[in-house]
Amino acid sequence: MSKTEIKQLIQLVNEEMRLDFRSMGTGGHYTQKQKSFALGKTGEYGVRAIARILQMPRRTLQRWCREYGVYVKRCPDWVYDWAERRRKKREFWSKLGYS
């Protein structure tokens, strides 16, 4: 699968998530279903990513998290894995004389 195909697949998933979120509401104020949907996804994707995907203000999500006592990690788990791989790669190349 090429990078463009992967990006298109991710965009389709994000669009479907956004449509699900919007279909739960009636317009105007956010419903309790929408809030629980968004808060459920923040643990998986993070606040910034969900705000971008659902096209809603990040501050609103942060306020909901405080209001309902939802703890969200500073970074999703994949960020720590990525940072570890990057550190090992830099260490490997520095041993070979590259900076």
PDB file of N, CA and C in Angstrom:
ATOM      1  N   MET A   1       0.845  -1.171   0.000  1.00  0.00           N
ATOM      2  CA  MET A   1       0.000   0.000   0.000  1.00  0.00           C
ATOM      3  C   MET A   1       0.894   1.239   0.000  1.00  0.00           C
ATOM      4  N   SER A   2       0.637   2.174  -0.876  1.00  0.00           N
ATOM      5  CA  SER A   2       1.470   3.369  -0.982  1.00  0.00           C
ATOM      6  C   SER A   2       1.063   4.410   0.064  1.00  0.00           C
ATOM      7  N   LYS A   3       1.907   5.416   0.216  1.00  0.00           N
ATOM      8  CA  LYS A   3       1.637   6.467   1.199  1.00  0.00           C
ATOM      9  C   LYS A   3       0.353   7.216   0.872  1.00  0.00           C
ATOM     10  N   THR A   4       0.125   7.465  -0.398  1.00  0.00           N
ATOM     11  CA  THR A   4      -1.091   8.198  -0.763  1.00  0.00           C
ATOM     12  C   THR A   4      -2.349   7.386  -0.460  1.00  0.00           C
ATOM     13  N   GLU A   5      -2.266   6.080  -0.671  1.00  0.00           N
ATOM     14  CA  GLU A   5      -3.414   5.229  -0.349  1.00  0.00           C
ATOM     15  C   GLU A   5      -3.671   5.199   1.148  1.00  0.00           C
ATOM     16  N   ILE A   6      -2.593   5.165   1.937  1.00  0.00           N
ATOM     17  CA  ILE A   6      -2.733   5.173   3.392  1.00  0.00           C
ATOM     18  C   ILE A   6      -3.349   6.484   3.852  1.00  0.00           C
ATOM     19  N   LYS A   7      -2.881   7.601   3.280  1.00  0.00           N
ATOM     20  CA  LYS A   7      -3.434   8.908   3.642  1.00  0.00           C
ATOM     21  C   LYS A   7      -4.918   8.998   3.291  1.00  0.00           C
ATOM     22  N   GLN A   8      -5.287   8.472   2.141  1.00  0.00           N
ATOM     23  CA  GLN A   8      -6.694   8.487   1.740  1.00  0.00           C
ATOM     24  C   GLN A   8      -7.539   7.643   2.679  1.00  0.00           C
ATOM     25  N   LEU A   9      -7.008   6.501   3.099  1.00  0.00           N
ATOM     26  CA  LEU A   9      -7.723   5.636   4.028  1.00  0.00           C
ATOM     27  C   LEU A   9      -7.927   6.332   5.375  1.00  0.00           C
ATOM     28  N   ILE A  10      -6.893   7.002   5.855  1.00  0.00           N
ATOM     29  CA  ILE A  10      -6.989   7.742   7.118  1.00  0.00           C
ATOM     30  C   ILE A  10      -8.012   8.862   6.990  1.00  0.00           C
ATOM     31  N   GLN A  11      -8.010   9.565   5.856  1.00  0.00           N
ATOM     32  CA  GLN A  11      -8.980  10.636   5.647  1.00  0.00           C
ATOM     33  C   GLN A  11     -10.405  10.102   5.636  1.00  0.00           C
ATOM     34  N   LEU A  12     -10.603   8.923   5.053  1.00  0.00           N
ATOM     35  CA  LEU A  12     -11.937   8.322   5.043  1.00  0.00           C
ATOM     36  C   LEU A  12     -12.393   7.958   6.453  1.00  0.00           C
ATOM     37  N   VAL A  13     -11.494   7.394   7.241  1.00  0.00           N
ATOM     38  CA  VAL A  13     -11.827   7.035   8.619  1.00  0.00           C
ATOM     39  C   VAL A  13     -12.158   8.286   9.421  1.00  0.00           C
ATOM     40  N   ASN A  14     -11.352   9.333   9.253  1.00  0.00           N
ATOM     41  CA  ASN A  14     -11.600  10.585   9.966  1.00  0.00           C
ATOM     42  C   ASN A  14     -12.927  11.210   9.546  1.00  0.00           C
ATOM     43  N   GLU A  15     -13.235  11.177   8.265  1.00  0.00           N
ATOM     44  CA  GLU A  15     -14.492  11.730   7.772  1.00  0.00           C
ATOM     45  C   GLU A  15     -15.681  10.957   8.330  1.00  0.00           C
ATOM     46  N   GLU A  16     -15.555   9.640   8.393  1.00  0.00           N
ATOM     47  CA  GLU A  16     -16.630   8.814   8.953  1.00  0.00           C
ATOM     48  C   GLU A  16     -16.836   9.127  10.438  1.00  0.00           C
ATOM     49  N   MET A  17     -15.727   9.303  11.166  1.00  0.00           N
ATOM     50  CA  MET A  17     -15.811   9.643  12.573  1.00  0.00           C
ATOM     51  C   MET A  17     -16.504  10.995  12.757  1.00  0.00           C
ATOM     52  N   ARG A  18     -16.145  11.960  11.910  1.00  0.00           N
ATOM     53  CA  ARG A  18     -16.735  13.298  11.972  1.00  0.00           C
ATOM     54  C   ARG A  18     -18.233  13.242  11.678  1.00  0.00           C
ATOM     55  N   LEU A  19     -18.627  12.444  10.676  1.00  0.00           N
ATOM     56  CA  LEU A  19     -20.044  12.321  10.345  1.00  0.00           C
ATOM     57  C   LEU A  19     -20.820  11.646  11.473  1.00  0.00           C
ATOM     58  N   ASP A  20     -20.233  10.622  12.095  1.00  0.00           N
ATOM     59  CA  ASP A  20     -20.879   9.975  13.245  1.00  0.00           C
ATOM     60  C   ASP A  20     -21.099  10.982  14.367  1.00  0.00           C
ATOM     61  N   PHE A  21     -20.079  11.786  14.631  1.00  0.00           N
ATOM     62  CA  PHE A  21     -20.160  12.789  15.693  1.00  0.00           C
ATOM     63  C   PHE A  21     -21.263  13.793  15.405  1.00  0.00           C
ATOM     64  N   ARG A  22     -21.309  14.278  14.183  1.00  0.00           N
ATOM     65  CA  ARG A  22     -22.321  15.283  13.830  1.00  0.00           C
ATOM     66  C   ARG A  22     -23.731  14.707  13.804  1.00  0.00           C
ATOM     67  N   SER A  23     -23.861  13.435  13.450  1.00  0.00           N
ATOM     68  CA  SER A  23     -25.189  12.828  13.376  1.00  0.00           C
ATOM     69  C   SER A  23     -25.806  12.621  14.762  1.00  0.00           C
ATOM     70  N   MET A  24     -24.987  12.636  15.801  1.00  0.00           N
ATOM     71  CA  MET A  24     -25.490  12.473  17.164  1.00  0.00           C
ATOM     72  C   MET A  24     -26.142  13.745  17.696  1.00  0.00           C
ATOM     73  N   GLY A  25     -25.865  14.865  17.065  1.00  0.00           N
ATOM     74  CA  GLY A  25     -26.365  16.141  17.554  1.00  0.00           C
ATOM     75  C   GLY A  25     -27.560  16.643  16.768  1.00  0.00           C
ATOM     76  N   THR A  26     -28.149  17.714  17.292  1.00  0.00           N
ATOM     77  CA  THR A  26     -29.294  18.323  16.630  1.00  0.00           C
ATOM     78  C   THR A  26     -28.972  19.716  16.122  1.00  0.00           C
ATOM     79  N   GLY A  27     -27.750  20.134  16.298  1.00  0.00           N
ATOM     80  CA  GLY A  27     -27.358  21.483  15.922  1.00  0.00           C
ATOM     81  C   GLY A  27     -27.431  22.377  17.147  1.00  0.00           C
ATOM     82  N   GLY A  28     -26.611  23.392  17.180  1.00  0.00           N
ATOM     83  CA  GLY A  28     -26.602  24.266  18.355  1.00  0.00           C
ATOM     84  C   GLY A  28     -25.665  23.734  19.423  1.00  0.00           C
ATOM     85  N   HIS A  29     -26.219  23.280  20.532  1.00  0.00           N
ATOM     86  CA  HIS A  29     -25.409  22.781  21.645  1.00  0.00           C
ATOM     87  C   HIS A  29     -25.019  21.326  21.411  1.00  0.00           C
ATOM     88  N   TYR A  30     -23.889  20.941  22.018  1.00  0.00           N
ATOM     89  CA  TYR A  30     -23.439  19.553  21.925  1.00  0.00           C
ATOM     90  C   TYR A  30     -24.299  18.687  22.838  1.00  0.00           C
ATOM     91  N   THR A  31     -24.678  17.520  22.371  1.00  0.00           N
ATOM     92  CA  THR A  31     -25.474  16.600  23.175  1.00  0.00           C
ATOM     93  C   THR A  31     -24.556  15.761  24.062  1.00  0.00           C
ATOM     94  N   GLN A  32     -25.161  15.078  25.021  1.00  0.00           N
ATOM     95  CA  GLN A  32     -24.383  14.213  25.906  1.00  0.00           C
ATOM     96  C   GLN A  32     -23.756  13.066  25.119  1.00  0.00           C
ATOM     97  N   LYS A  33     -24.444  12.577  24.086  1.00  0.00           N
ATOM     98  CA  LYS A  33     -23.874  11.521  23.235  1.00  0.00           C
ATOM     99  C   LYS A  33     -22.604  12.001  22.550  1.00  0.00           C
ATOM    100  N   GLN A  34     -22.650  13.230  22.032  1.00  0.00           N
ATOM    101  CA  GLN A  34     -21.475  13.782  21.368  1.00  0.00           C
ATOM    102  C   GLN A  34     -20.319  13.938  22.345  1.00  0.00           C
ATOM    103  N   LYS A  35     -20.630  14.401  23.547  1.00  0.00           N
ATOM    104  CA  LYS A  35     -19.579  14.589  24.545  1.00  0.00           C
ATOM    105  C   LYS A  35     -18.922  13.254  24.893  1.00  0.00           C
ATOM    106  N   SER A  36     -19.733  12.240  25.142  1.00  0.00           N
ATOM    107  CA  SER A  36     -19.160  10.952  25.519  1.00  0.00           C
ATOM    108  C   SER A  36     -18.386  10.327  24.361  1.00  0.00           C
ATOM    109  N   PHE A  37     -18.855  10.529  23.132  1.00  0.00           N
ATOM    110  CA  PHE A  37     -18.134  10.036  21.955  1.00  0.00           C
ATOM    111  C   PHE A  37     -16.753  10.688  21.867  1.00  0.00           C
ATOM    112  N   ALA A  38     -16.718  12.018  21.970  1.00  0.00           N
ATOM    113  CA  ALA A  38     -15.457  12.749  21.857  1.00  0.00           C
ATOM    114  C   ALA A  38     -14.512  12.402  23.002  1.00  0.00           C
ATOM    115  N   LEU A  39     -15.046  12.318  24.216  1.00  0.00           N
ATOM    116  CA  LEU A  39     -14.199  11.995  25.363  1.00  0.00           C
ATOM    117  C   LEU A  39     -13.662  10.567  25.281  1.00  0.00           C
ATOM    118  N   GLY A  40     -14.436   9.664  24.709  1.00  0.00           N
ATOM    119  CA  GLY A  40     -13.968   8.299  24.525  1.00  0.00           C
ATOM    120  C   GLY A  40     -12.819   8.202  23.541  1.00  0.00           C
ATOM    121  N   LYS A  41     -12.855   9.044  22.535  1.00  0.00           N
ATOM    122  CA  LYS A  41     -11.794   9.024  21.522  1.00  0.00           C
ATOM    123  C   LYS A  41     -10.532   9.761  21.964  1.00  0.00           C
ATOM    124  N   THR A  42     -10.643  10.662  22.943  1.00  0.00           N
ATOM    125  CA  THR A  42      -9.453  11.420  23.355  1.00  0.00           C
ATOM    126  C   THR A  42      -8.388  10.524  23.962  1.00  0.00           C
ATOM    127  N   GLY A  43      -8.795   9.463  24.640  1.00  0.00           N
ATOM    128  CA  GLY A  43      -7.800   8.545  25.208  1.00  0.00           C
ATOM    129  C   GLY A  43      -7.004   7.830  24.144  1.00  0.00           C
ATOM    130  N   GLU A  44      -7.635   7.575  23.022  1.00  0.00           N
ATOM    131  CA  GLU A  44      -6.979   6.845  21.929  1.00  0.00           C
ATOM    132  C   GLU A  44      -6.130   7.759  21.047  1.00  0.00           C
ATOM    133  N   TYR A  45      -6.679   8.927  20.705  1.00  0.00           N
ATOM    134  CA  TYR A  45      -6.016   9.808  19.741  1.00  0.00           C
ATOM    135  C   TYR A  45      -5.356  11.037  20.363  1.00  0.00           C
ATOM    136  N   GLY A  46      -5.847  11.478  21.503  1.00  0.00           N
ATOM    137  CA  GLY A  46      -5.360  12.708  22.117  1.00  0.00           C
ATOM    138  C   GLY A  46      -6.308  13.853  21.820  1.00  0.00           C
ATOM    139  N   VAL A  47      -6.225  14.882  22.643  1.00  0.00           N
ATOM    140  CA  VAL A  47      -7.152  16.007  22.545  1.00  0.00           C
ATOM    141  C   VAL A  47      -6.972  16.770  21.238  1.00  0.00           C
ATOM    142  N   ARG A  48      -5.748  17.075  20.885  1.00  0.00           N
ATOM    143  CA  ARG A  48      -5.512  17.872  19.678  1.00  0.00           C
ATOM    144  C   ARG A  48      -5.972  17.158  18.418  1.00  0.00           C
ATOM    145  N   ALA A  49      -5.675  15.874  18.329  1.00  0.00           N
ATOM    146  CA  ALA A  49      -6.049  15.119  17.135  1.00  0.00           C
ATOM    147  C   ALA A  49      -7.567  15.008  17.015  1.00  0.00           C
ATOM    148  N   ILE A  50      -8.256  14.731  18.110  1.00  0.00           N
ATOM    149  CA  ILE A  50      -9.713  14.616  18.051  1.00  0.00           C
ATOM    150  C   ILE A  50     -10.342  15.959  17.726  1.00  0.00           C
ATOM    151  N   ALA A  51      -9.814  17.029  18.281  1.00  0.00           N
ATOM    152  CA  ALA A  51     -10.336  18.357  17.955  1.00  0.00           C
ATOM    153  C   ALA A  51     -10.182  18.635  16.458  1.00  0.00           C
ATOM    154  N   ARG A  52      -9.058  18.247  15.897  1.00  0.00           N
ATOM    155  CA  ARG A  52      -8.824  18.453  14.469  1.00  0.00           C
ATOM    156  C   ARG A  52      -9.737  17.558  13.643  1.00  0.00           C
ATOM    157  N   ILE A  53      -9.877  16.293  14.032  1.00  0.00           N
ATOM    158  CA  ILE A  53     -10.699  15.353  13.279  1.00  0.00           C
ATOM    159  C   ILE A  53     -12.169  15.764  13.313  1.00  0.00           C
ATOM    160  N   LEU A  54     -12.666  16.112  14.511  1.00  0.00           N
ATOM    161  CA  LEU A  54     -14.081  16.458  14.659  1.00  0.00           C
ATOM    162  C   LEU A  54     -14.377  17.909  14.299  1.00  0.00           C
ATOM    163  N   GLN A  55     -13.334  18.663  13.998  1.00  0.00           N
ATOM    164  CA  GLN A  55     -13.448  20.075  13.624  1.00  0.00           C
ATOM    165  C   GLN A  55     -14.220  20.857  14.687  1.00  0.00           C
ATOM    166  N   MET A  56     -13.692  20.776  15.900  1.00  0.00           N
ATOM    167  CA  MET A  56     -14.276  21.509  17.012  1.00  0.00           C
ATOM    168  C   MET A  56     -13.151  22.133  17.819  1.00  0.00           C
ATOM    169  N   PRO A  57     -13.456  23.115  18.659  1.00  0.00           N
ATOM    170  CA  PRO A  57     -12.399  23.779  19.420  1.00  0.00           C
ATOM    171  C   PRO A  57     -11.732  22.840  20.426  1.00  0.00           C
ATOM    172  N   ARG A  58     -10.424  22.901  20.464  1.00  0.00           N
ATOM    173  CA  ARG A  58      -9.638  22.095  21.402  1.00  0.00           C
ATOM    174  C   ARG A  58      -9.983  22.473  22.834  1.00  0.00           C
ATOM    175  N   ARG A  59     -10.193  23.747  23.067  1.00  0.00           N
ATOM    176  CA  ARG A  59     -10.515  24.229  24.411  1.00  0.00           C
ATOM    177  C   ARG A  59     -11.811  23.615  24.940  1.00  0.00           C
ATOM    178  N   THR A  60     -12.757  23.380  24.050  1.00  0.00           N
ATOM    179  CA  THR A  60     -14.013  22.754  24.457  1.00  0.00           C
ATOM    180  C   THR A  60     -13.746  21.342  24.962  1.00  0.00           C
ATOM    181  N   LEU A  61     -12.942  20.583  24.226  1.00  0.00           N
ATOM    182  CA  LEU A  61     -12.587  19.228  24.657  1.00  0.00           C
ATOM    183  C   LEU A  61     -11.837  19.250  25.984  1.00  0.00           C
ATOM    184  N   GLN A  62     -10.927  20.179  26.138  1.00  0.00           N
ATOM    185  CA  GLN A  62     -10.177  20.276  27.382  1.00  0.00           C
ATOM    186  C   GLN A  62     -11.108  20.601  28.549  1.00  0.00           C
ATOM    187  N   ARG A  63     -12.077  21.471  28.310  1.00  0.00           N
ATOM    188  CA  ARG A  63     -13.039  21.830  29.354  1.00  0.00           C
ATOM    189  C   ARG A  63     -13.885  20.616  29.747  1.00  0.00           C
ATOM    190  N   TRP A  64     -14.321  19.838  28.747  1.00  0.00           N
ATOM    191  CA  TRP A  64     -15.087  18.631  29.022  1.00  0.00           C
ATOM    192  C   TRP A  64     -14.258  17.635  29.825  1.00  0.00           C
ATOM    193  N   CYS A  65     -12.990  17.487  29.481  1.00  0.00           N
ATOM    194  CA  CYS A  65     -12.114  16.556  30.202  1.00  0.00           C
ATOM    195  C   CYS A  65     -12.009  16.955  31.676  1.00  0.00           C
ATOM    196  N   ARG A  66     -11.845  18.239  31.941  1.00  0.00           N
ATOM    197  CA  ARG A  66     -11.786  18.702  33.326  1.00  0.00           C
ATOM    198  C   ARG A  66     -13.125  18.482  34.026  1.00  0.00           C
ATOM    199  N   GLU A  67     -14.198  18.805  33.327  1.00  0.00           N
ATOM    200  CA  GLU A  67     -15.537  18.713  33.910  1.00  0.00           C
ATOM    201  C   GLU A  67     -15.910  17.281  34.289  1.00  0.00           C
ATOM    202  N   TYR A  68     -15.556  16.310  33.449  1.00  0.00           N
ATOM    203  CA  TYR A  68     -15.922  14.917  33.680  1.00  0.00           C
ATOM    204  C   TYR A  68     -14.793  14.088  34.282  1.00  0.00           C
ATOM    205  N   GLY A  69     -13.681  14.737  34.624  1.00  0.00           N
ATOM    206  CA  GLY A  69     -12.584  14.044  35.282  1.00  0.00           C
ATOM    207  C   GLY A  69     -11.870  13.037  34.396  1.00  0.00           C
ATOM    208  N   VAL A  70     -11.802  13.324  33.114  1.00  0.00           N
ATOM    209  CA  VAL A  70     -11.118  12.429  32.176  1.00  0.00           C
ATOM    210  C   VAL A  70      -9.659  12.853  32.100  1.00  0.00           C
ATOM    211  N   TYR A  71      -8.763  11.935  32.469  1.00  0.00           N
ATOM    212  CA  TYR A  71      -7.333  12.217  32.399  1.00  0.00           C
ATOM    213  C   TYR A  71      -6.817  11.784  31.032  1.00  0.00           C
ATOM    214  N   VAL A  72      -6.161  12.702  30.352  1.00  0.00           N
ATOM    215  CA  VAL A  72      -5.583  12.406  29.045  1.00  0.00           C
ATOM    216  C   VAL A  72      -4.079  12.594  29.155  1.00  0.00           C
ATOM    217  N   LYS A  73      -3.335  11.596  28.691  1.00  0.00           N
ATOM    218  CA  LYS A  73      -1.876  11.681  28.720  1.00  0.00           C
ATOM    219  C   LYS A  73      -1.413  12.836  27.845  1.00  0.00           C
ATOM    220  N   ARG A  74      -0.232  13.310  28.147  1.00  0.00           N
ATOM    221  CA  ARG A  74       0.325  14.428  27.387  1.00  0.00           C
ATOM    222  C   ARG A  74       0.510  14.050  25.920  1.00  0.00           C
ATOM    223  N   CYS A  75       0.932  12.810  25.669  1.00  0.00           N
ATOM    224  CA  CYS A  75       1.133  12.311  24.313  1.00  0.00           C
ATOM    225  C   CYS A  75       0.522  10.917  24.200  1.00  0.00           C
ATOM    226  N   PRO A  76       0.031  10.564  23.016  1.00  0.00           N
ATOM    227  CA  PRO A  76      -0.423   9.183  22.812  1.00  0.00           C
ATOM    228  C   PRO A  76       0.755   8.208  22.915  1.00  0.00           C
ATOM    229  N   ASP A  77       0.462   6.932  23.137  1.00  0.00           N
ATOM    230  CA  ASP A  77       1.509   5.922  23.326  1.00  0.00           C
ATOM    231  C   ASP A  77       2.460   5.815  22.144  1.00  0.00           C
ATOM    232  N   TRP A  78       1.939   5.998  20.926  1.00  0.00           N
ATOM    233  CA  TRP A  78       2.799   5.818  19.766  1.00  0.00           C
ATOM    234  C   TRP A  78       3.911   6.855  19.724  1.00  0.00           C
ATOM    235  N   VAL A  79       3.737   8.013  20.347  1.00  0.00           N
ATOM    236  CA  VAL A  79       4.770   9.049  20.342  1.00  0.00           C
ATOM    237  C   VAL A  79       5.994   8.568  21.119  1.00  0.00           C
ATOM    238  N   TYR A  80       5.760   7.910  22.250  1.00  0.00           N
ATOM    239  CA  TYR A  80       6.883   7.412  23.045  1.00  0.00           C
ATOM    240  C   TYR A  80       7.640   6.329  22.292  1.00  0.00           C
ATOM    241  N   ASP A  81       6.924   5.454  21.597  1.00  0.00           N
ATOM    242  CA  ASP A  81       7.576   4.410  20.791  1.00  0.00           C
ATOM    243  C   ASP A  81       8.401   5.033  19.668  1.00  0.00           C
ATOM    244  N   TRP A  82       7.846   6.029  19.009  1.00  0.00           N
ATOM    245  CA  TRP A  82       8.532   6.713  17.915  1.00  0.00           C
ATOM    246  C   TRP A  82       9.805   7.397  18.426  1.00  0.00           C
ATOM    247  N   ALA A  83       9.707   8.060  19.585  1.00  0.00           N
ATOM    248  CA  ALA A  83      10.867   8.753  20.153  1.00  0.00           C
ATOM    249  C   ALA A  83      11.973   7.761  20.516  1.00  0.00           C
ATOM    250  N   GLU A  84      11.585   6.607  21.020  1.00  0.00           N
ATOM    251  CA  GLU A  84      12.577   5.582  21.362  1.00  0.00           C
ATOM    252  C   GLU A  84      13.291   5.067  20.111  1.00  0.00           C
ATOM    253  N   ARG A  85      12.528   4.799  19.048  1.00  0.00           N
ATOM    254  CA  ARG A  85      13.147   4.349  17.789  1.00  0.00           C
ATOM    255  C   ARG A  85      14.078   5.417  17.235  1.00  0.00           C
ATOM    256  N   ARG A  86      13.673   6.688  17.304  1.00  0.00           N
ATOM    257  CA  ARG A  86      14.505   7.788  16.813  1.00  0.00           C
ATOM    258  C   ARG A  86      15.792   7.891  17.619  1.00  0.00           C
ATOM    259  N   ARG A  87      15.695   7.743  18.946  1.00  0.00           N
ATOM    260  CA  ARG A  87      16.878   7.808  19.804  1.00  0.00           C
ATOM    261  C   ARG A  87      17.863   6.696  19.461  1.00  0.00           C
ATOM    262  N   LYS A  88      17.341   5.485  19.262  1.00  0.00           N
ATOM    263  CA  LYS A  88      18.211   4.356  18.917  1.00  0.00           C
ATOM    264  C   LYS A  88      18.873   4.554  17.556  1.00  0.00           C
ATOM    265  N   LYS A  89      18.122   5.102  16.616  1.00  0.00           N
ATOM    266  CA  LYS A  89      18.677   5.342  15.286  1.00  0.00           C
ATOM    267  C   LYS A  89      19.798   6.375  15.346  1.00  0.00           C
ATOM    268  N   ARG A  90      19.587   7.443  16.098  1.00  0.00           N
ATOM    269  CA  ARG A  90      20.631   8.461  16.245  1.00  0.00           C
ATOM    270  C   ARG A  90      21.866   7.886  16.921  1.00  0.00           C
ATOM    271  N   GLU A  91      21.638   7.064  17.931  1.00  0.00           N
ATOM    272  CA  GLU A  91      22.747   6.432  18.640  1.00  0.00           C
ATOM    273  C   GLU A  91      23.549   5.532  17.696  1.00  0.00           C
ATOM    274  N   PHE A  92      22.862   4.771  16.866  1.00  0.00           N
ATOM    275  CA  PHE A  92      23.508   3.891  15.907  1.00  0.00           C
ATOM    276  C   PHE A  92      24.383   4.691  14.940  1.00  0.00           C
ATOM    277  N   TRP A  93      23.824   5.753  14.368  1.00  0.00           N
ATOM    278  CA  TRP A  93      24.572   6.530  13.386  1.00  0.00           C
ATOM    279  C   TRP A  93      25.715   7.320  14.021  1.00  0.00           C
ATOM    280  N   SER A  94      25.544   7.727  15.284  1.00  0.00           N
ATOM    281  CA  SER A  94      26.638   8.457  15.940  1.00  0.00           C
ATOM    282  C   SER A  94      27.822   7.522  16.210  1.00  0.00           C
ATOM    283  N   LYS A  95      27.562   6.245  16.461  1.00  0.00           N
ATOM    284  CA  LYS A  95      28.652   5.283  16.647  1.00  0.00           C
ATOM    285  C   LYS A  95      29.454   5.086  15.371  1.00  0.00           C
ATOM    286  N   LEU A  96      28.813   5.296  14.222  1.00  0.00           N
ATOM    287  CA  LEU A  96      29.504   5.158  12.938  1.00  0.00           C
ATOM    288  C   LEU A  96      30.197   6.447  12.516  1.00  0.00           C
ATOM    289  N   GLY A  97      30.114   7.495  13.351  1.00  0.00           N
ATOM    290  CA  GLY A  97      30.825   8.720  13.070  1.00  0.00           C
ATOM    291  C   GLY A  97      29.977   9.832  12.490  1.00  0.00           C
ATOM    292  N   TYR A  98      28.677   9.611  12.364  1.00  0.00           N
ATOM    293  CA  TYR A  98      27.782  10.664  11.873  1.00  0.00           C
ATOM    294  C   TYR A  98      27.200  11.402  13.059  1.00  0.00           C
ATOM    295  N   SER A  99      26.922  12.674  12.869  1.00  0.00           N
ATOM    296  CA  SER A  99      26.358  13.460  13.998  1.00  0.00           C
ATOM    297  C   SER A  99      24.899  13.689  13.826  1.00  0.00           C
TER     298      SER A  99
END
